[in-house]
Amino acid sequence: NDQRQLNAFDSFLAEQIMASLRALDEYSEQTPVAVVNTKMRWTHGVSLATTWMDMNISAFYVSSAIPARMTLSTGRKLNFRQAGEQDVAACANAAVWPERGFVSIQADGSALVCL
C-alpha cells in the first residue's frame, strides 16, 4: 500500500513537471531535460514507511528511473539528458518543487527540473 501511494505521488509530480515544461515558451519535446533531486530525495512531503532497506522510494530519487516514470505517467517520451555538476549548482540557488519556477530553461536551451 505504501508503494502504491508513493507511485501515485510520483505520477502527480510527473504530471506537474510535464505541465510546467509545456508552459515554457522555449520548450518543445526535442528540448533536452535534466532532473536534479537534491531536496526531495527519496520521498515526498508526506513520509511513508520504508518496508525494507531501499524499498518504497520515489522513482525521482533514482536518475535512471525518471524517464520511465515520466513516460508511464504522461504517455510522452521526453528528451532526457544526464544532469551534470553545473545543473546541481544551478538547483542549489533555484526554486525547487513545489515552488513556482522549479522548472526552467537554461542558457544552453535545455530544461532543468529542480526537486
PDB file of N, CA and C in Angstrom:
ATOM      1  N   ASN A   1       0.812  -1.193   0.000  1.00  0.00           N
ATOM      2  CA  ASN A   1       0.000   0.000   0.000  1.00  0.00           C
ATOM      3  C   ASN A   1       0.859   1.262   0.000  1.00  0.00           C
ATOM      4  N   ASP A   2       1.927   1.258   0.777  1.00  0.00           N
ATOM      5  CA  ASP A   2       2.805   2.433   0.795  1.00  0.00           C
ATOM      6  C   ASP A   2       3.426   2.667  -0.575  1.00  0.00           C
ATOM      7  N   GLN A   3       3.835   1.602  -1.260  1.00  0.00           N
ATOM      8  CA  GLN A   3       4.425   1.764  -2.580  1.00  0.00           C
ATOM      9  C   GLN A   3       3.393   2.289  -3.577  1.00  0.00           C
ATOM     10  N   ARG A   4       2.161   1.835  -3.486  1.00  0.00           N
ATOM     11  CA  ARG A   4       1.112   2.351  -4.367  1.00  0.00           C
ATOM     12  C   ARG A   4       0.896   3.841  -4.127  1.00  0.00           C
ATOM     13  N   GLN A   5       0.889   4.242  -2.876  1.00  0.00           N
ATOM     14  CA  GLN A   5       0.718   5.663  -2.566  1.00  0.00           C
ATOM     15  C   GLN A   5       1.890   6.477  -3.098  1.00  0.00           C
ATOM     16  N   LEU A   6       3.093   5.955  -2.919  1.00  0.00           N
ATOM     17  CA  LEU A   6       4.283   6.636  -3.425  1.00  0.00           C
ATOM     18  C   LEU A   6       4.227   6.747  -4.950  1.00  0.00           C
ATOM     19  N   ASN A   7       3.775   5.693  -5.622  1.00  0.00           N
ATOM     20  CA  ASN A   7       3.634   5.734  -7.078  1.00  0.00           C
ATOM     21  C   ASN A   7       2.621   6.798  -7.486  1.00  0.00           C
ATOM     22  N   ALA A   8       1.551   6.946  -6.716  1.00  0.00           N
ATOM     23  CA  ALA A   8       0.553   7.984  -7.008  1.00  0.00           C
ATOM     24  C   ALA A   8       1.182   9.368  -6.855  1.00  0.00           C
ATOM     25  N   PHE A   9       1.972   9.568  -5.795  1.00  0.00           N
ATOM     26  CA  PHE A   9       2.669  10.840  -5.608  1.00  0.00           C
ATOM     27  C   PHE A   9       3.622  11.098  -6.785  1.00  0.00           C
ATOM     28  N   ASP A  10       4.367  10.064  -7.200  1.00  0.00           N
ATOM     29  CA  ASP A  10       5.296  10.193  -8.323  1.00  0.00           C
ATOM     30  C   ASP A  10       4.554  10.552  -9.613  1.00  0.00           C
ATOM     31  N   SER A  11       3.413   9.937  -9.833  1.00  0.00           N
ATOM     32  CA  SER A  11       2.627  10.238 -11.035  1.00  0.00           C
ATOM     33  C   SER A  11       2.159  11.686 -11.016  1.00  0.00           C
ATOM     34  N   PHE A  12       1.710  12.142  -9.865  1.00  0.00           N
ATOM     35  CA  PHE A  12       1.289  13.537  -9.734  1.00  0.00           C
ATOM     36  C   PHE A  12       2.451  14.479 -10.042  1.00  0.00           C
ATOM     37  N   LEU A  13       3.621  14.179  -9.489  1.00  0.00           N
ATOM     38  CA  LEU A  13       4.788  15.019  -9.735  1.00  0.00           C
ATOM     39  C   LEU A  13       5.157  15.004 -11.215  1.00  0.00           C
ATOM     40  N   ALA A  14       5.107  13.844 -11.851  1.00  0.00           N
ATOM     41  CA  ALA A  14       5.405  13.746 -13.281  1.00  0.00           C
ATOM     42  C   ALA A  14       4.464  14.637 -14.086  1.00  0.00           C
ATOM     43  N   GLU A  15       3.204  14.620 -13.728  1.00  0.00           N
ATOM     44  CA  GLU A  15       2.225  15.466 -14.421  1.00  0.00           C
ATOM     45  C   GLU A  15       2.527  16.941 -14.207  1.00  0.00           C
ATOM     46  N   GLN A  16       2.933  17.307 -13.002  1.00  0.00           N
ATOM     47  CA  GLN A  16       3.268  18.702 -12.707  1.00  0.00           C
ATOM     48  C   GLN A  16       4.512  19.140 -13.473  1.00  0.00           C
ATOM     49  N   ILE A  17       5.486  18.252 -13.572  1.00  0.00           N
ATOM     50  CA  ILE A  17       6.696  18.561 -14.346  1.00  0.00           C
ATOM     51  C   ILE A  17       6.319  18.780 -15.807  1.00  0.00           C
ATOM     52  N   MET A  18       5.522  17.874 -16.352  1.00  0.00           N
ATOM     53  CA  MET A  18       5.129  17.987 -17.758  1.00  0.00           C
ATOM     54  C   MET A  18       4.350  19.285 -18.008  1.00  0.00           C
ATOM     55  N   ALA A  19       3.414  19.596 -17.131  1.00  0.00           N
ATOM     56  CA  ALA A  19       2.626  20.827 -17.281  1.00  0.00           C
ATOM     57  C   ALA A  19       3.529  22.054 -17.189  1.00  0.00           C
ATOM     58  N   SER A  20       4.503  22.026 -16.286  1.00  0.00           N
ATOM     59  CA  SER A  20       5.421  23.158 -16.138  1.00  0.00           C
ATOM     60  C   SER A  20       6.326  23.309 -17.354  1.00  0.00           C
ATOM     61  N   LEU A  21       6.789  22.189 -17.906  1.00  0.00           N
ATOM     62  CA  LEU A  21       7.595  22.238 -19.121  1.00  0.00           C
ATOM     63  C   LEU A  21       6.793  22.842 -20.269  1.00  0.00           C
ATOM     64  N   ARG A  22       5.582  22.360 -20.454  1.00  0.00           N
ATOM     65  CA  ARG A  22       4.750  22.817 -21.568  1.00  0.00           C
ATOM     66  C   ARG A  22       4.365  24.290 -21.433  1.00  0.00           C
ATOM     67  N   ALA A  23       4.406  24.819 -20.221  1.00  0.00           N
ATOM     68  CA  ALA A  23       4.082  26.230 -20.002  1.00  0.00           C
ATOM     69  C   ALA A  23       5.228  27.159 -20.402  1.00  0.00           C
ATOM     70  N   LEU A  24       6.414  26.596 -20.619  1.00  0.00           N
ATOM     71  CA  LEU A  24       7.574  27.399 -21.012  1.00  0.00           C
ATOM     72  C   LEU A  24       7.557  27.613 -22.522  1.00  0.00           C
ATOM     73  N   ASP A  25       7.617  28.864 -22.958  1.00  0.00           N
ATOM     74  CA  ASP A  25       7.572  29.177 -24.388  1.00  0.00           C
ATOM     75  C   ASP A  25       8.682  28.484 -25.173  1.00  0.00           C
ATOM     76  N   GLU A  26       9.850  28.340 -24.562  1.00  0.00           N
ATOM     77  CA  GLU A  26      11.014  27.791 -25.255  1.00  0.00           C
ATOM     78  C   GLU A  26      11.004  26.264 -25.325  1.00  0.00           C
ATOM     79  N   TYR A  27      10.069  25.611 -24.659  1.00  0.00           N
ATOM     80  CA  TYR A  27      10.074  24.149 -24.571  1.00  0.00           C
ATOM     81  C   TYR A  27       9.414  23.499 -25.785  1.00  0.00           C
ATOM     82  N   SER A  28      10.042  22.433 -26.260  1.00  0.00           N
ATOM     83  CA  SER A  28       9.431  21.516 -27.227  1.00  0.00           C
ATOM     84  C   SER A  28       9.845  20.110 -26.799  1.00  0.00           C
ATOM     85  N   GLU A  29       9.258  19.090 -27.384  1.00  0.00           N
ATOM     86  CA  GLU A  29       9.610  17.726 -26.975  1.00  0.00           C
ATOM     87  C   GLU A  29      11.037  17.350 -27.369  1.00  0.00           C
ATOM     88  N   GLN A  30      11.694  18.169 -28.176  1.00  0.00           N
ATOM     89  CA  GLN A  30      13.100  17.937 -28.513  1.00  0.00           C
ATOM     90  C   GLN A  30      14.043  18.591 -27.496  1.00  0.00           C
ATOM     91  N   THR A  31      13.513  19.446 -26.641  1.00  0.00           N
ATOM     92  CA  THR A  31      14.336  20.135 -25.643  1.00  0.00           C
ATOM     93  C   THR A  31      14.939  19.116 -24.680  1.00  0.00           C
ATOM     94  N   PRO A  32      16.260  19.122 -24.512  1.00  0.00           N
ATOM     95  CA  PRO A  32      16.865  18.234 -23.512  1.00  0.00           C
ATOM     96  C   PRO A  32      16.397  18.636 -22.112  1.00  0.00           C
ATOM     97  N   VAL A  33      16.102  17.646 -21.284  1.00  0.00           N
ATOM     98  CA  VAL A  33      15.601  17.872 -19.925  1.00  0.00           C
ATOM     99  C   VAL A  33      16.509  17.152 -18.934  1.00  0.00           C
ATOM    100  N   ALA A  34      16.969  17.872 -17.919  1.00  0.00           N
ATOM    101  CA  ALA A  34      17.742  17.282 -16.824  1.00  0.00           C
ATOM    102  C   ALA A  34      16.957  17.454 -15.533  1.00  0.00           C
ATOM    103  N   VAL A  35      16.990  16.430 -14.689  1.00  0.00           N
ATOM    104  CA  VAL A  35      16.313  16.479 -13.393  1.00  0.00           C
ATOM    105  C   VAL A  35      17.367  16.348 -12.304  1.00  0.00           C
ATOM    106  N   VAL A  36      17.330  17.289 -11.352  1.00  0.00           N
ATOM    107  CA  VAL A  36      18.247  17.267 -10.209  1.00  0.00           C
ATOM    108  C   VAL A  36      17.395  17.130  -8.945  1.00  0.00           C
ATOM    109  N   ASN A  37      17.630  16.081  -8.198  1.00  0.00           N
ATOM    110  CA  ASN A  37      16.892  15.853  -6.954  1.00  0.00           C
ATOM    111  C   ASN A  37      17.860  15.960  -5.784  1.00  0.00           C
ATOM    112  N   THR A  38      17.937  17.146  -5.209  1.00  0.00           N
ATOM    113  CA  THR A  38      18.807  17.330  -4.040  1.00  0.00           C
ATOM    114  C   THR A  38      18.028  17.649  -2.773  1.00  0.00           C
ATOM    115  N   LYS A  39      16.781  18.089  -2.925  1.00  0.00           N
ATOM    116  CA  LYS A  39      15.992  18.468  -1.752  1.00  0.00           C
ATOM    117  C   LYS A  39      14.916  17.430  -1.418  1.00  0.00           C
ATOM    118  N   MET A  40      14.227  16.920  -2.444  1.00  0.00           N
ATOM    119  CA  MET A  40      13.147  15.977  -2.198  1.00  0.00           C
ATOM    120  C   MET A  40      13.709  14.629  -1.726  1.00  0.00           C
ATOM    121  N   ARG A  41      14.798  14.224  -2.330  1.00  0.00           N
ATOM    122  CA  ARG A  41      15.472  12.952  -2.069  1.00  0.00           C
ATOM    123  C   ARG A  41      14.571  11.759  -2.388  1.00  0.00           C
ATOM    124  N   TRP A  42      14.319  10.871  -1.442  1.00  0.00           N
ATOM    125  CA  TRP A  42      13.678   9.593  -1.756  1.00  0.00           C
ATOM    126  C   TRP A  42      12.179   9.553  -1.520  1.00  0.00           C
ATOM    127  N   THR A  43      11.615  10.600  -0.961  1.00  0.00           N
ATOM    128  CA  THR A  43      10.187  10.569  -0.674  1.00  0.00           C
ATOM    129  C   THR A  43       9.551  11.921  -0.973  1.00  0.00           C
ATOM    130  N   HIS A  44       8.293  12.029  -0.724  1.00  0.00           N
ATOM    131  CA  HIS A  44       7.553  13.272  -0.937  1.00  0.00           C
ATOM    132  C   HIS A  44       7.282  13.920   0.421  1.00  0.00           C
ATOM    133  N   GLY A  45       6.524  15.010   0.424  1.00  0.00           N
ATOM    134  CA  GLY A  45       6.260  15.744   1.658  1.00  0.00           C
ATOM    135  C   GLY A  45       5.594  14.919   2.739  1.00  0.00           C
ATOM    136  N   VAL A  46       4.777  13.959   2.324  1.00  0.00           N
ATOM    137  CA  VAL A  46       4.134  13.050   3.281  1.00  0.00           C
ATOM    138  C   VAL A  46       4.991  11.795   3.334  1.00  0.00           C
ATOM    139  N   SER A  47       5.674  11.585   4.421  1.00  0.00           N
ATOM    140  CA  SER A  47       6.557  10.420   4.534  1.00  0.00           C
ATOM    141  C   SER A  47       5.750   9.135   4.600  1.00  0.00           C
ATOM    142  N   LEU A  48       6.298   8.121   3.968  1.00  0.00           N
ATOM    143  CA  LEU A  48       5.703   6.791   4.013  1.00  0.00           C
ATOM    144  C   LEU A  48       6.724   5.835   4.603  1.00  0.00           C
ATOM    145  N   ALA A  49       6.220   4.804   5.200  1.00  0.00           N
ATOM    146  CA  ALA A  49       7.119   3.821   5.819  1.00  0.00           C
ATOM    147  C   ALA A  49       7.948   3.125   4.747  1.00  0.00           C
ATOM    148  N   THR A  50       9.186   2.823   5.075  1.00  0.00           N
ATOM    149  CA  THR A  50      10.031   2.033   4.194  1.00  0.00           C
ATOM    150  C   THR A  50       9.951   0.598   4.682  1.00  0.00           C
ATOM    151  N   THR A  51       9.541  -0.290   3.776  1.00  0.00           N
ATOM    152  CA  THR A  51       9.343  -1.681   4.159  1.00  0.00           C
ATOM    153  C   THR A  51      10.654  -2.341   4.551  1.00  0.00           C
ATOM    154  N   TRP A  52      11.662  -2.212   3.706  1.00  0.00           N
ATOM    155  CA  TRP A  52      12.936  -2.853   3.983  1.00  0.00           C
ATOM    156  C   TRP A  52      14.016  -2.182   3.154  1.00  0.00           C
ATOM    157  N   MET A  53      15.037  -1.714   3.806  1.00  0.00           N
ATOM    158  CA  MET A  53      16.184  -1.091   3.151  1.00  0.00           C
ATOM    159  C   MET A  53      15.724   0.016   2.189  1.00  0.00           C
ATOM    160  N   ASP A  54      15.878  -0.202   0.872  1.00  0.00           N
ATOM    161  CA  ASP A  54      15.563   0.870  -0.069  1.00  0.00           C
ATOM    162  C   ASP A  54      14.253   0.629  -0.816  1.00  0.00           C
ATOM    163  N   MET A  55      13.352  -0.109  -0.221  1.00  0.00           N
ATOM    164  CA  MET A  55      12.039  -0.264  -0.841  1.00  0.00           C
ATOM    165  C   MET A  55      11.197   0.968  -0.530  1.00  0.00           C
ATOM    166  N   ASN A  56      10.184   1.191  -1.350  1.00  0.00           N
ATOM    167  CA  ASN A  56       9.269   2.320  -1.192  1.00  0.00           C
ATOM    168  C   ASN A  56       9.990   3.657  -1.292  1.00  0.00           C
ATOM    169  N   ILE A  57      10.828   3.787  -2.318  1.00  0.00           N
ATOM    170  CA  ILE A  57      11.463   5.083  -2.569  1.00  0.00           C
ATOM    171  C   ILE A  57      10.894   5.653  -3.865  1.00  0.00           C
ATOM    172  N   SER A  58      10.933   6.951  -3.976  1.00  0.00           N
ATOM    173  CA  SER A  58      10.438   7.633  -5.166  1.00  0.00           C
ATOM    174  C   SER A  58      11.291   7.297  -6.377  1.00  0.00           C
ATOM    175  N   ALA A  59      10.648   7.146  -7.520  1.00  0.00           N
ATOM    176  CA  ALA A  59      11.381   6.956  -8.777  1.00  0.00           C
ATOM    177  C   ALA A  59      12.232   8.173  -9.080  1.00  0.00           C
ATOM    178  N   PHE A  60      11.865   9.330  -8.547  1.00  0.00           N
ATOM    179  CA  PHE A  60      12.623  10.552  -8.791  1.00  0.00           C
ATOM    180  C   PHE A  60      13.922  10.600  -7.992  1.00  0.00           C
ATOM    181  N   TYR A  61      14.147   9.621  -7.133  1.00  0.00           N
ATOM    182  CA  TYR A  61      15.404   9.527  -6.391  1.00  0.00           C
ATOM    183  C   TYR A  61      16.461   8.789  -7.208  1.00  0.00           C
ATOM    184  N   VAL A  62      16.028   7.982  -8.164  1.00  0.00           N
ATOM    185  CA  VAL A  62      16.934   7.160  -8.971  1.00  0.00           C
ATOM    186  C   VAL A  62      16.937   7.741 -10.382  1.00  0.00           C
ATOM    187  N   SER A  63      18.021   8.390 -10.755  1.00  0.00           N
ATOM    188  CA  SER A  63      18.032   9.127 -12.029  1.00  0.00           C
ATOM    189  C   SER A  63      17.700   8.245 -13.226  1.00  0.00           C
ATOM    190  N   SER A  64      18.105   6.990 -13.198  1.00  0.00           N
ATOM    191  CA  SER A  64      17.813   6.108 -14.333  1.00  0.00           C
ATOM    192  C   SER A  64      16.340   5.707 -14.405  1.00  0.00           C
ATOM    193  N   ALA A  65      15.580   5.901 -13.325  1.00  0.00           N
ATOM    194  CA  ALA A  65      14.157   5.549 -13.303  1.00  0.00           C
ATOM    195  C   ALA A  65      13.258   6.701 -13.734  1.00  0.00           C
ATOM    196  N   ILE A  66      13.787   7.911 -13.763  1.00  0.00           N
ATOM    197  CA  ILE A  66      12.962   9.088 -14.050  1.00  0.00           C
ATOM    198  C   ILE A  66      12.345   9.046 -15.454  1.00  0.00           C
ATOM    199  N   PRO A  67      13.108   8.741 -16.507  1.00  0.00           N
ATOM    200  CA  PRO A  67      12.476   8.712 -17.835  1.00  0.00           C
ATOM    201  C   PRO A  67      11.293   7.743 -17.910  1.00  0.00           C
ATOM    202  N   ALA A  68      11.435   6.565 -17.341  1.00  0.00           N
ATOM    203  CA  ALA A  68      10.333   5.592 -17.369  1.00  0.00           C
ATOM    204  C   ALA A  68       9.144   6.082 -16.559  1.00  0.00           C
ATOM    205  N   ARG A  69       9.383   6.677 -15.398  1.00  0.00           N
ATOM    206  CA  ARG A  69       8.289   7.197 -14.580  1.00  0.00           C
ATOM    207  C   ARG A  69       7.538   8.293 -15.334  1.00  0.00           C
ATOM    208  N   MET A  70       8.274   9.172 -15.979  1.00  0.00           N
ATOM    209  CA  MET A  70       7.639  10.248 -16.738  1.00  0.00           C
ATOM    210  C   MET A  70       6.816   9.687 -17.893  1.00  0.00           C
ATOM    211  N   THR A  71       7.356   8.719 -18.608  1.00  0.00           N
ATOM    212  CA  THR A  71       6.642   8.123 -19.731  1.00  0.00           C
ATOM    213  C   THR A  71       5.392   7.395 -19.257  1.00  0.00           C
ATOM    214  N   LEU A  72       5.506   6.618 -18.199  1.00  0.00           N
ATOM    215  CA  LEU A  72       4.348   5.894 -17.669  1.00  0.00           C
ATOM    216  C   LEU A  72       3.260   6.839 -17.183  1.00  0.00           C
ATOM    217  N   SER A  73       3.653   7.959 -16.612  1.00  0.00           N
ATOM    218  CA  SER A  73       2.689   8.883 -16.024  1.00  0.00           C
ATOM    219  C   SER A  73       2.067   9.845 -17.030  1.00  0.00           C
ATOM    220  N   THR A  74       2.802  10.173 -18.091  1.00  0.00           N
ATOM    221  CA  THR A  74       2.316  11.200 -19.003  1.00  0.00           C
ATOM    222  C   THR A  74       1.997  10.688 -20.401  1.00  0.00           C
ATOM    223  N   GLY A  75       2.506   9.517 -20.745  1.00  0.00           N
ATOM    224  CA  GLY A  75       2.312   8.999 -22.095  1.00  0.00           C
ATOM    225  C   GLY A  75       3.175   9.694 -23.128  1.00  0.00           C
ATOM    226  N   ARG A  76       4.169  10.467 -22.676  1.00  0.00           N
ATOM    227  CA  ARG A  76       5.073  11.192 -23.564  1.00  0.00           C
ATOM    228  C   ARG A  76       6.494  10.750 -23.284  1.00  0.00           C
ATOM    229  N   LYS A  77       7.319  10.739 -24.317  1.00  0.00           N
ATOM    230  CA  LYS A  77       8.730  10.401 -24.153  1.00  0.00           C
ATOM    231  C   LYS A  77       9.538  11.680 -24.278  1.00  0.00           C
ATOM    232  N   LEU A  78      10.115  12.122 -23.178  1.00  0.00           N
ATOM    233  CA  LEU A  78      10.894  13.347 -23.166  1.00  0.00           C
ATOM    234  C   LEU A  78      12.334  13.071 -23.567  1.00  0.00           C
ATOM    235  N   ASN A  79      13.047  14.118 -23.926  1.00  0.00           N
ATOM    236  CA  ASN A  79      14.441  14.039 -24.336  1.00  0.00           C
ATOM    237  C   ASN A  79      15.328  14.276 -23.105  1.00  0.00           C
ATOM    238  N   PHE A  80      15.487  13.257 -22.291  1.00  0.00           N
ATOM    239  CA  PHE A  80      16.264  13.413 -21.060  1.00  0.00           C
ATOM    240  C   PHE A  80      17.752  13.416 -21.336  1.00  0.00           C
ATOM    241  N   ARG A  81      18.463  14.190 -20.536  1.00  0.00           N
ATOM    242  CA  ARG A  81      19.923  14.167 -20.525  1.00  0.00           C
ATOM    243  C   ARG A  81      20.374  14.013 -19.078  1.00  0.00           C
ATOM    244  N   GLN A  82      21.563  13.485 -18.898  1.00  0.00           N
ATOM    245  CA  GLN A  82      22.120  13.305 -17.563  1.00  0.00           C
ATOM    246  C   GLN A  82      22.429  14.671 -16.949  1.00  0.00           C
ATOM    247  N   ALA A  83      22.009  14.881 -15.727  1.00  0.00           N
ATOM    248  CA  ALA A  83      22.324  16.128 -15.022  1.00  0.00           C
ATOM    249  C   ALA A  83      23.810  16.163 -14.686  1.00  0.00           C
ATOM    250  N   GLY A  84      24.409  17.323 -14.870  1.00  0.00           N
ATOM    251  CA  GLY A  84      25.829  17.496 -14.563  1.00  0.00           C
ATOM    252  C   GLY A  84      26.031  18.368 -13.338  1.00  0.00           C
ATOM    253  N   GLU A  85      27.283  18.607 -13.021  1.00  0.00           N
ATOM    254  CA  GLU A  85      27.617  19.426 -11.847  1.00  0.00           C
ATOM    255  C   GLU A  85      27.055  20.834 -11.959  1.00  0.00           C
ATOM    256  N   GLN A  86      27.046  21.397 -13.188  1.00  0.00           N
ATOM    257  CA  GLN A  86      26.511  22.741 -13.378  1.00  0.00           C
ATOM    258  C   GLN A  86      25.011  22.771 -13.095  1.00  0.00           C
ATOM    259  N   ASP A  87      24.310  21.669 -13.367  1.00  0.00           N
ATOM    260  CA  ASP A  87      22.875  21.589 -13.078  1.00  0.00           C
ATOM    261  C   ASP A  87      22.632  21.529 -11.570  1.00  0.00           C
ATOM    262  N   VAL A  88      23.439  20.747 -10.889  1.00  0.00           N
ATOM    263  CA  VAL A  88      23.326  20.657  -9.428  1.00  0.00           C
ATOM    264  C   VAL A  88      23.587  22.022  -8.806  1.00  0.00           C
ATOM    265  N   ALA A  89      24.601  22.730  -9.309  1.00  0.00           N
ATOM    266  CA  ALA A  89      24.910  24.064  -8.795  1.00  0.00           C
ATOM    267  C   ALA A  89      23.769  25.033  -9.072  1.00  0.00           C
ATOM    268  N   ALA A  90      23.173  24.943 -10.260  1.00  0.00           N
ATOM    269  CA  ALA A  90      22.061  25.831 -10.603  1.00  0.00           C
ATOM    270  C   ALA A  90      20.869  25.585  -9.688  1.00  0.00           C
ATOM    271  N   CYS A  91      20.601  24.326  -9.365  1.00  0.00           N
ATOM    272  CA  CYS A  91      19.462  23.997  -8.498  1.00  0.00           C
ATOM    273  C   CYS A  91      19.706  24.399  -7.048  1.00  0.00           C
ATOM    274  N   ALA A  92      20.970  24.527  -6.662  1.00  0.00           N
ATOM    275  CA  ALA A  92      21.281  24.907  -5.280  1.00  0.00           C
ATOM    276  C   ALA A  92      20.714  26.284  -4.951  1.00  0.00           C
ATOM    277  N   ASN A  93      20.590  27.142  -5.961  1.00  0.00           N
ATOM    278  CA  ASN A  93      20.105  28.510  -5.739  1.00  0.00           C
ATOM    279  C   ASN A  93      18.783  28.787  -6.444  1.00  0.00           C
ATOM    280  N   ALA A  94      18.113  27.748  -6.901  1.00  0.00           N
ATOM    281  CA  ALA A  94      16.879  27.931  -7.667  1.00  0.00           C
ATOM    282  C   ALA A  94      15.663  27.452  -6.863  1.00  0.00           C
ATOM    283  N   ALA A  95      14.501  27.765  -7.383  1.00  0.00           N
ATOM    284  CA  ALA A  95      13.265  27.245  -6.794  1.00  0.00           C
ATOM    285  C   ALA A  95      13.242  25.725  -6.966  1.00  0.00           C
ATOM    286  N   VAL A  96      12.718  25.047  -5.960  1.00  0.00           N
ATOM    287  CA  VAL A  96      12.591  23.591  -6.031  1.00  0.00           C
ATOM    288  C   VAL A  96      11.124  23.218  -5.835  1.00  0.00           C
ATOM    289  N   TRP A  97      10.762  22.050  -6.344  1.00  0.00           N
ATOM    290  CA  TRP A  97       9.402  21.548  -6.177  1.00  0.00           C
ATOM    291  C   TRP A  97       9.016  21.611  -4.710  1.00  0.00           C
ATOM    292  N   PRO A  98       7.862  22.120  -4.340  1.00  0.00           N
ATOM    293  CA  PRO A  98       6.709  22.517  -5.139  1.00  0.00           C
ATOM    294  C   PRO A  98       6.624  24.019  -5.434  1.00  0.00           C
ATOM    295  N   GLU A  99       7.714  24.749  -5.305  1.00  0.00           N
ATOM    296  CA  GLU A  99       7.699  26.185  -5.567  1.00  0.00           C
ATOM    297  C   GLU A  99       7.512  26.470  -7.056  1.00  0.00           C
ATOM    298  N   ARG A 100       6.895  27.607  -7.363  1.00  0.00           N
ATOM    299  CA  ARG A 100       6.796  28.041  -8.763  1.00  0.00           C
ATOM    300  C   ARG A 100       8.208  28.259  -9.294  1.00  0.00           C
ATOM    301  N   GLY A 101       8.412  27.915 -10.530  1.00  0.00           N
ATOM    302  CA  GLY A 101       9.723  28.115 -11.139  1.00  0.00           C
ATOM    303  C   GLY A 101      10.678  26.964 -10.932  1.00  0.00           C
ATOM    304  N   PHE A 102      10.195  25.819 -10.429  1.00  0.00           N
ATOM    305  CA  PHE A 102      11.093  24.681 -10.208  1.00  0.00           C
ATOM    306  C   PHE A 102      11.558  24.067 -11.529  1.00  0.00           C
ATOM    307  N   VAL A 103      10.900  24.440 -12.629  1.00  0.00           N
ATOM    308  CA  VAL A 103      11.302  24.035 -13.978  1.00  0.00           C
ATOM    309  C   VAL A 103      11.692  25.299 -14.728  1.00  0.00           C
ATOM    310  N   SER A 104      12.868  25.283 -15.360  1.00  0.00           N
ATOM    311  CA  SER A 104      13.339  26.472 -16.070  1.00  0.00           C
ATOM    312  C   SER A 104      14.118  26.082 -17.320  1.00  0.00           C
ATOM    313  N   ILE A 105      14.264  27.042 -18.205  1.00  0.00           N
ATOM    314  CA  ILE A 105      15.100  26.871 -19.393  1.00  0.00           C
ATOM    315  C   ILE A 105      16.450  27.510 -19.090  1.00  0.00           C
ATOM    316  N   GLN A 106      17.522  26.776 -19.377  1.00  0.00           N
ATOM    317  CA  GLN A 106      18.875  27.256 -19.105  1.00  0.00           C
ATOM    318  C   GLN A 106      19.439  27.991 -20.321  1.00  0.00           C
ATOM    319  N   ALA A 107      20.578  28.630 -20.141  1.00  0.00           N
ATOM    320  CA  ALA A 107      21.206  29.425 -21.205  1.00  0.00           C
ATOM    321  C   ALA A 107      21.508  28.581 -22.451  1.00  0.00           C
ATOM    322  N   ASP A 108      21.787  27.293 -22.271  1.00  0.00           N
ATOM    323  CA  ASP A 108      22.078  26.423 -23.417  1.00  0.00           C
ATOM    324  C   ASP A 108      20.823  25.907 -24.109  1.00  0.00           C
ATOM    325  N   GLY A 109      19.646  26.325 -23.620  1.00  0.00           N
ATOM    326  CA  GLY A 109      18.378  25.918 -24.232  1.00  0.00           C
ATOM    327  C   GLY A 109      17.770  24.672 -23.665  1.00  0.00           C
ATOM    328  N   SER A 110      18.456  24.009 -22.739  1.00  0.00           N
ATOM    329  CA  SER A 110      17.908  22.805 -22.127  1.00  0.00           C
ATOM    330  C   SER A 110      17.010  23.182 -20.953  1.00  0.00           C
ATOM    331  N   ALA A 111      16.169  22.247 -20.571  1.00  0.00           N
ATOM    332  CA  ALA A 111      15.272  22.456 -19.421  1.00  0.00           C
ATOM    333  C   ALA A 111      15.897  21.826 -18.184  1.00  0.00           C
ATOM    334  N   LEU A 112      15.697  22.476 -17.055  1.00  0.00           N
ATOM    335  CA  LEU A 112      16.205  21.982 -15.781  1.00  0.00           C
ATOM    336  C   LEU A 112      15.060  21.884 -14.806  1.00  0.00           C
ATOM    337  N   VAL A 113      14.922  20.716 -14.180  1.00  0.00           N
ATOM    338  CA  VAL A 113      13.897  20.446 -13.181  1.00  0.00           C
ATOM    339  C   VAL A 113      14.604  20.275 -11.845  1.00  0.00           C
ATOM    340  N   CYS A 114      14.263  21.132 -10.874  1.00  0.00           N
ATOM    341  CA  CYS A 114      14.901  21.072  -9.559  1.00  0.00           C
ATOM    342  C   CYS A 114      13.923  20.515  -8.530  1.00  0.00           C
ATOM    343  N   LEU A 115      14.270  19.388  -7.960  1.00  0.00           N
ATOM    344  CA  LEU A 115      13.447  18.746  -6.932  1.00  0.00           C
ATOM    345  C   LEU A 115      14.165  18.777  -5.594  1.00  0.00           C
TER     346      LEU A 115
END
